[in-house]
Amino acid sequence: LASACPGWVCYAEKTHGDAVLPHISATKSPQAVIGSLVKGRLAARLGCSGTGATSGTGGHEARRLYHATVMPCYDKKLEASRDELSLPGGEPEVDCCLTTGELHQLMVDAGVPHLPHQALPAAGVS
């Protein structure tokens, strides 16, 4: 089973346990992959990982990078806080996760102008 939905994974952990968990793919979600790349490889490339360019994870200086994501669902916040998405020593790979709704509200509150809304033609309708 594969799922990038942390809500479903949490549900499976709490309600189905050993019957389902061994069958869930260990592949990281897109948010987890980019978090690993930012706090690992990018930190190493920028010289702020503290562990060298080859390993790139676990350095206390990875804290110098602040990694924020914008995701469509509140459950992605839960995913970002999971222990398995942390560097050795507890530094999170994703520091902040905003939903698209939260980002929109921040933009509205800051007075960022919206792009004009344009109706798109319906496909196949004349």
N, C-alpha and C. Protein backbone atom coordinates (compact mmCIF):
# COMPACT_ATOMS: atom_id res chain seq x y z
N LEU A 1 0.84 -1.18 0.00
CA LEU A 1 0.00 0.00 0.00
C LEU A 1 0.88 1.23 0.00
N ALA A 2 0.50 2.21 -0.75
CA ALA A 2 1.24 3.47 -0.78
C ALA A 2 0.29 4.61 -0.45
N SER A 3 0.80 5.57 0.30
CA SER A 3 -0.01 6.72 0.61
C SER A 3 0.87 7.90 0.99
N ALA A 4 0.61 9.03 0.37
CA ALA A 4 1.27 10.27 0.76
C ALA A 4 0.35 11.06 1.69
N CYS A 5 -0.75 10.43 2.12
CA CYS A 5 -1.71 11.09 3.00
C CYS A 5 -1.40 10.73 4.45
N PRO A 6 -0.87 11.69 5.22
CA PRO A 6 -0.54 11.38 6.61
C PRO A 6 -1.75 11.08 7.48
N GLY A 7 -2.91 11.59 7.11
CA GLY A 7 -4.12 11.27 7.86
C GLY A 7 -4.47 9.79 7.74
N TRP A 8 -4.33 9.24 6.53
CA TRP A 8 -4.60 7.82 6.32
C TRP A 8 -3.59 6.97 7.06
N VAL A 9 -2.31 7.35 7.00
CA VAL A 9 -1.26 6.60 7.69
C VAL A 9 -1.52 6.60 9.19
N CYS A 10 -1.87 7.74 9.76
CA CYS A 10 -2.17 7.84 11.19
C CYS A 10 -3.37 6.96 11.55
N TYR A 11 -4.40 6.98 10.72
CA TYR A 11 -5.57 6.14 10.92
C TYR A 11 -5.17 4.66 10.92
N ALA A 12 -4.36 4.26 9.95
CA ALA A 12 -3.91 2.87 9.87
C ALA A 12 -3.10 2.48 11.10
N GLU A 13 -2.25 3.38 11.56
CA GLU A 13 -1.43 3.09 12.75
C GLU A 13 -2.31 2.89 13.99
N LYS A 14 -3.32 3.72 14.13
CA LYS A 14 -4.15 3.69 15.34
C LYS A 14 -5.23 2.62 15.32
N THR A 15 -5.71 2.24 14.14
CA THR A 15 -6.85 1.33 14.11
C THR A 15 -6.53 -0.06 13.57
N HIS A 16 -5.53 -0.19 12.72
CA HIS A 16 -5.28 -1.49 12.08
C HIS A 16 -3.92 -2.09 12.44
N GLY A 17 -3.02 -1.29 12.95
CA GLY A 17 -1.73 -1.76 13.43
C GLY A 17 -1.03 -2.78 12.54
N ASP A 18 -0.69 -3.93 13.13
CA ASP A 18 0.11 -4.94 12.45
C ASP A 18 -0.57 -5.56 11.24
N ALA A 19 -1.87 -5.42 11.13
CA ALA A 19 -2.57 -5.99 9.97
C ALA A 19 -2.30 -5.19 8.70
N VAL A 20 -2.02 -3.89 8.84
CA VAL A 20 -1.85 -3.03 7.67
C VAL A 20 -0.44 -2.45 7.57
N LEU A 21 0.15 -2.07 8.69
CA LEU A 21 1.42 -1.34 8.67
C LEU A 21 2.54 -2.04 7.91
N PRO A 22 2.71 -3.35 7.99
CA PRO A 22 3.79 -3.97 7.23
C PRO A 22 3.63 -3.84 5.71
N HIS A 23 2.42 -3.52 5.28
CA HIS A 23 2.14 -3.44 3.85
C HIS A 23 2.18 -2.00 3.30
N ILE A 24 2.39 -1.03 4.16
CA ILE A 24 2.46 0.37 3.73
C ILE A 24 3.88 0.65 3.24
N SER A 25 3.97 1.25 2.10
CA SER A 25 5.27 1.58 1.51
C SER A 25 6.05 2.52 2.42
N ALA A 26 7.35 2.31 2.48
CA ALA A 26 8.23 3.16 3.28
C ALA A 26 8.72 4.37 2.47
N THR A 27 8.24 4.51 1.25
CA THR A 27 8.63 5.64 0.41
C THR A 27 8.16 6.95 1.04
N LYS A 28 9.05 7.93 1.07
CA LYS A 28 8.70 9.23 1.66
C LYS A 28 7.73 9.99 0.74
N SER A 29 6.93 10.83 1.36
CA SER A 29 6.02 11.70 0.61
C SER A 29 6.85 12.81 -0.06
N PRO A 30 6.26 13.53 -1.02
CA PRO A 30 6.98 14.65 -1.63
C PRO A 30 7.47 15.67 -0.61
N GLN A 31 6.66 16.00 0.39
CA GLN A 31 7.08 16.95 1.42
C GLN A 31 8.30 16.41 2.18
N ALA A 32 8.28 15.12 2.51
CA ALA A 32 9.40 14.52 3.25
C ALA A 32 10.66 14.46 2.40
N VAL A 33 10.52 14.17 1.13
CA VAL A 33 11.68 14.09 0.24
C VAL A 33 12.34 15.46 0.11
N ILE A 34 11.56 16.49 -0.14
CA ILE A 34 12.16 17.82 -0.30
C ILE A 34 12.75 18.31 1.01
N GLY A 35 12.14 17.94 2.15
CA GLY A 35 12.71 18.30 3.44
C GLY A 35 14.06 17.66 3.65
N SER A 36 14.17 16.40 3.28
CA SER A 36 15.43 15.69 3.38
C SER A 36 16.49 16.32 2.48
N LEU A 37 16.09 16.69 1.27
CA LEU A 37 17.04 17.32 0.34
C LEU A 37 17.49 18.69 0.82
N VAL A 38 16.55 19.49 1.33
CA VAL A 38 16.89 20.84 1.79
C VAL A 38 17.81 20.79 3.00
N LYS A 39 17.41 20.02 4.01
CA LYS A 39 18.19 19.99 5.25
C LYS A 39 19.42 19.10 5.15
N GLY A 40 19.48 18.26 4.12
CA GLY A 40 20.62 17.38 3.93
C GLY A 40 21.55 17.89 2.86
N ARG A 41 21.18 17.64 1.61
CA ARG A 41 22.08 17.97 0.50
C ARG A 41 22.29 19.46 0.30
N LEU A 42 21.21 20.25 0.35
CA LEU A 42 21.37 21.69 0.16
C LEU A 42 22.19 22.29 1.30
N ALA A 43 21.93 21.84 2.53
CA ALA A 43 22.70 22.33 3.67
C ALA A 43 24.18 22.00 3.48
N ALA A 44 24.48 20.80 3.00
CA ALA A 44 25.88 20.41 2.76
C ALA A 44 26.49 21.26 1.65
N ARG A 45 25.74 21.46 0.60
CA ARG A 45 26.25 22.24 -0.55
C ARG A 45 26.52 23.69 -0.16
N LEU A 46 25.68 24.23 0.72
CA LEU A 46 25.86 25.61 1.17
C LEU A 46 26.86 25.72 2.31
N GLY A 47 27.35 24.58 2.76
CA GLY A 47 28.35 24.59 3.82
C GLY A 47 27.78 24.84 5.20
N CYS A 48 26.51 24.50 5.40
CA CYS A 48 25.94 24.73 6.73
C CYS A 48 25.36 23.47 7.34
N SER A 49 25.81 22.30 6.88
CA SER A 49 25.30 21.08 7.48
C SER A 49 26.15 20.61 8.63
N GLY A 50 27.41 20.98 8.65
CA GLY A 50 28.29 20.56 9.72
C GLY A 50 28.77 19.13 9.60
N THR A 51 28.35 18.42 8.53
CA THR A 51 28.74 17.02 8.39
C THR A 51 29.47 16.74 7.09
N GLY A 52 29.69 17.72 6.28
CA GLY A 52 30.39 17.49 5.02
C GLY A 52 29.44 17.23 3.88
N ALA A 53 29.94 17.35 2.68
CA ALA A 53 29.09 17.29 1.49
C ALA A 53 28.59 15.89 1.17
N THR A 54 29.21 14.84 1.73
CA THR A 54 28.78 13.51 1.35
C THR A 54 27.58 13.03 2.15
N SER A 55 27.59 13.18 3.47
CA SER A 55 26.45 12.69 4.23
C SER A 55 25.34 13.71 4.27
N GLY A 56 25.64 14.93 4.62
CA GLY A 56 24.68 16.02 4.52
C GLY A 56 23.55 16.01 5.52
N THR A 57 23.47 15.05 6.42
CA THR A 57 22.38 15.07 7.40
C THR A 57 22.94 15.01 8.80
N GLY A 58 22.17 15.50 9.71
CA GLY A 58 22.53 15.38 11.11
C GLY A 58 23.31 16.54 11.67
N GLY A 59 23.71 17.49 10.85
CA GLY A 59 24.50 18.59 11.35
C GLY A 59 23.68 19.60 12.10
N HIS A 60 24.21 20.07 13.23
CA HIS A 60 23.46 21.05 14.02
C HIS A 60 23.32 22.36 13.27
N GLU A 61 24.19 22.62 12.30
CA GLU A 61 24.10 23.87 11.56
C GLU A 61 23.01 23.86 10.50
N ALA A 62 22.37 22.71 10.28
CA ALA A 62 21.24 22.67 9.36
C ALA A 62 20.13 23.59 9.86
N ARG A 63 20.17 23.95 11.14
CA ARG A 63 19.19 24.89 11.69
C ARG A 63 19.30 26.25 11.04
N ARG A 64 20.42 26.54 10.41
CA ARG A 64 20.58 27.83 9.73
C ARG A 64 19.66 27.92 8.52
N LEU A 65 19.17 26.80 8.04
CA LEU A 65 18.20 26.79 6.95
C LEU A 65 16.81 26.65 7.56
N TYR A 66 15.88 27.47 7.10
CA TYR A 66 14.49 27.37 7.56
C TYR A 66 13.68 26.87 6.38
N HIS A 67 13.14 25.69 6.52
CA HIS A 67 12.41 25.07 5.41
C HIS A 67 10.92 25.12 5.68
N ALA A 68 10.21 25.91 4.88
CA ALA A 68 8.76 26.01 4.98
C ALA A 68 8.13 25.39 3.74
N THR A 69 7.01 24.72 3.92
CA THR A 69 6.29 24.13 2.80
C THR A 69 4.87 24.70 2.76
N VAL A 70 4.27 24.64 1.60
CA VAL A 70 2.87 24.99 1.43
C VAL A 70 2.19 23.74 0.88
N MET A 71 1.27 23.21 1.66
CA MET A 71 0.61 21.95 1.33
C MET A 71 -0.90 22.12 1.35
N PRO A 72 -1.63 21.27 0.64
CA PRO A 72 -3.08 21.46 0.52
C PRO A 72 -3.91 20.97 1.71
N CYS A 73 -3.29 20.31 2.69
CA CYS A 73 -4.08 19.66 3.73
C CYS A 73 -3.45 19.88 5.10
N TYR A 74 -4.30 20.05 6.11
CA TYR A 74 -3.81 20.25 7.49
C TYR A 74 -3.04 19.03 8.00
N ASP A 75 -3.33 17.85 7.49
CA ASP A 75 -2.62 16.65 7.95
C ASP A 75 -1.14 16.68 7.58
N LYS A 76 -0.76 17.50 6.62
CA LYS A 76 0.66 17.62 6.29
C LYS A 76 1.44 18.26 7.44
N LYS A 77 0.76 19.02 8.29
CA LYS A 77 1.40 19.57 9.49
C LYS A 77 1.76 18.42 10.44
N LEU A 78 0.84 17.47 10.58
CA LEU A 78 1.08 16.28 11.39
C LEU A 78 2.28 15.51 10.84
N GLU A 79 2.30 15.33 9.54
CA GLU A 79 3.41 14.61 8.91
C GLU A 79 4.74 15.31 9.20
N ALA A 80 4.78 16.61 9.07
CA ALA A 80 6.03 17.36 9.27
C ALA A 80 6.56 17.22 10.69
N SER A 81 5.69 16.94 11.64
CA SER A 81 6.11 16.84 13.04
C SER A 81 6.51 15.43 13.46
N ARG A 82 6.40 14.47 12.57
CA ARG A 82 6.74 13.08 12.92
C ARG A 82 8.24 12.93 13.18
N ASP A 83 8.56 12.09 14.14
CA ASP A 83 9.96 11.86 14.51
C ASP A 83 10.79 11.34 13.35
N GLU A 84 10.21 10.49 12.51
CA GLU A 84 10.97 9.92 11.41
C GLU A 84 11.32 10.95 10.32
N LEU A 85 10.76 12.15 10.42
CA LEU A 85 11.11 13.22 9.49
C LEU A 85 11.98 14.26 10.19
N SER A 86 12.86 13.77 11.04
CA SER A 86 13.81 14.62 11.74
C SER A 86 15.21 14.12 11.49
N LEU A 87 16.15 15.04 11.53
CA LEU A 87 17.56 14.69 11.43
C LEU A 87 18.00 14.06 12.75
N PRO A 88 19.11 13.32 12.73
CA PRO A 88 19.64 12.84 14.02
C PRO A 88 19.86 14.04 14.95
N GLY A 89 19.40 13.94 16.15
CA GLY A 89 19.48 15.05 17.09
C GLY A 89 18.16 15.79 17.22
N GLY A 90 17.18 15.43 16.37
CA GLY A 90 15.85 15.99 16.52
C GLY A 90 15.50 17.20 15.67
N GLU A 91 16.45 17.73 14.90
CA GLU A 91 16.15 18.88 14.03
C GLU A 91 15.16 18.46 12.94
N PRO A 92 14.00 19.13 12.83
CA PRO A 92 13.02 18.74 11.82
C PRO A 92 13.50 19.06 10.41
N GLU A 93 13.14 18.19 9.47
CA GLU A 93 13.47 18.45 8.07
C GLU A 93 12.55 19.52 7.48
N VAL A 94 11.36 19.65 8.02
CA VAL A 94 10.42 20.70 7.63
C VAL A 94 10.14 21.53 8.88
N ASP A 95 10.50 22.81 8.84
CA ASP A 95 10.35 23.67 10.01
C ASP A 95 8.94 24.22 10.16
N CYS A 96 8.27 24.44 9.04
CA CYS A 96 6.95 25.05 9.07
C CYS A 96 6.15 24.54 7.89
N CYS A 97 4.90 24.22 8.13
CA CYS A 97 4.02 23.77 7.06
C CYS A 97 2.75 24.62 7.10
N LEU A 98 2.52 25.34 6.03
CA LEU A 98 1.29 26.14 5.89
C LEU A 98 0.36 25.44 4.91
N THR A 99 -0.94 25.56 5.15
CA THR A 99 -1.88 25.07 4.15
C THR A 99 -2.06 26.16 3.10
N THR A 100 -2.60 25.78 1.97
CA THR A 100 -2.86 26.77 0.92
C THR A 100 -3.85 27.82 1.41
N GLY A 101 -4.81 27.41 2.23
CA GLY A 101 -5.77 28.36 2.80
C GLY A 101 -5.10 29.36 3.73
N GLU A 102 -4.15 28.89 4.54
CA GLU A 102 -3.41 29.78 5.44
C GLU A 102 -2.56 30.76 4.64
N LEU A 103 -1.91 30.27 3.60
CA LEU A 103 -1.11 31.17 2.76
C LEU A 103 -2.00 32.23 2.11
N HIS A 104 -3.15 31.82 1.63
CA HIS A 104 -4.08 32.77 1.03
C HIS A 104 -4.49 33.84 2.04
N GLN A 105 -4.81 33.40 3.26
CA GLN A 105 -5.22 34.37 4.28
C GLN A 105 -4.09 35.32 4.64
N LEU A 106 -2.87 34.82 4.73
CA LEU A 106 -1.71 35.69 4.98
C LEU A 106 -1.57 36.73 3.89
N MET A 107 -1.77 36.31 2.64
CA MET A 107 -1.66 37.24 1.52
C MET A 107 -2.77 38.29 1.56
N VAL A 108 -3.98 37.86 1.88
CA VAL A 108 -5.10 38.80 2.00
C VAL A 108 -4.82 39.80 3.12
N ASP A 109 -4.38 39.29 4.28
CA ASP A 109 -4.09 40.16 5.43
C ASP A 109 -2.97 41.15 5.13
N ALA A 110 -2.02 40.74 4.29
CA ALA A 110 -0.89 41.61 3.95
C ALA A 110 -1.22 42.55 2.79
N GLY A 111 -2.41 42.41 2.23
CA GLY A 111 -2.81 43.29 1.13
C GLY A 111 -2.19 42.95 -0.20
N VAL A 112 -1.74 41.70 -0.36
CA VAL A 112 -1.17 41.27 -1.64
C VAL A 112 -2.31 41.19 -2.65
N PRO A 113 -2.18 41.90 -3.77
CA PRO A 113 -3.27 41.89 -4.75
C PRO A 113 -3.45 40.51 -5.39
N HIS A 114 -4.68 40.17 -5.62
CA HIS A 114 -5.00 38.91 -6.30
C HIS A 114 -4.82 39.08 -7.80
N LEU A 115 -4.53 38.01 -8.45
CA LEU A 115 -4.55 38.03 -9.91
C LEU A 115 -6.01 38.13 -10.34
N PRO A 116 -6.27 38.78 -11.44
CA PRO A 116 -7.66 38.86 -11.89
C PRO A 116 -8.20 37.47 -12.22
N HIS A 117 -9.43 37.24 -11.82
CA HIS A 117 -10.07 35.95 -12.12
C HIS A 117 -10.61 35.98 -13.53
N GLN A 118 -10.30 34.96 -14.28
CA GLN A 118 -10.81 34.86 -15.62
C GLN A 118 -11.49 33.51 -15.78
N ALA A 119 -12.67 33.51 -16.36
CA ALA A 119 -13.36 32.26 -16.61
C ALA A 119 -12.61 31.50 -17.71
N LEU A 120 -12.42 30.24 -17.50
CA LEU A 120 -11.77 29.40 -18.50
C LEU A 120 -12.84 28.75 -19.35
N PRO A 121 -12.59 28.64 -20.65
CA PRO A 121 -13.59 27.98 -21.49
C PRO A 121 -13.70 26.50 -21.12
N ALA A 122 -14.91 25.99 -21.11
CA ALA A 122 -15.13 24.60 -20.81
C ALA A 122 -14.68 23.76 -22.01
N ALA A 123 -13.98 22.69 -21.75
CA ALA A 123 -13.49 21.82 -22.81
C ALA A 123 -14.65 21.12 -23.49
N GLY A 124 -14.68 21.15 -24.80
CA GLY A 124 -15.68 20.45 -25.57
C GLY A 124 -17.05 21.08 -25.58
N VAL A 125 -17.19 22.27 -25.01
CA VAL A 125 -18.49 22.95 -24.99
C VAL A 125 -18.44 24.10 -25.98
N SER A 126 -19.41 24.15 -26.86
CA SER A 126 -19.42 25.24 -27.84
C SER A 126 -20.43 26.29 -27.51
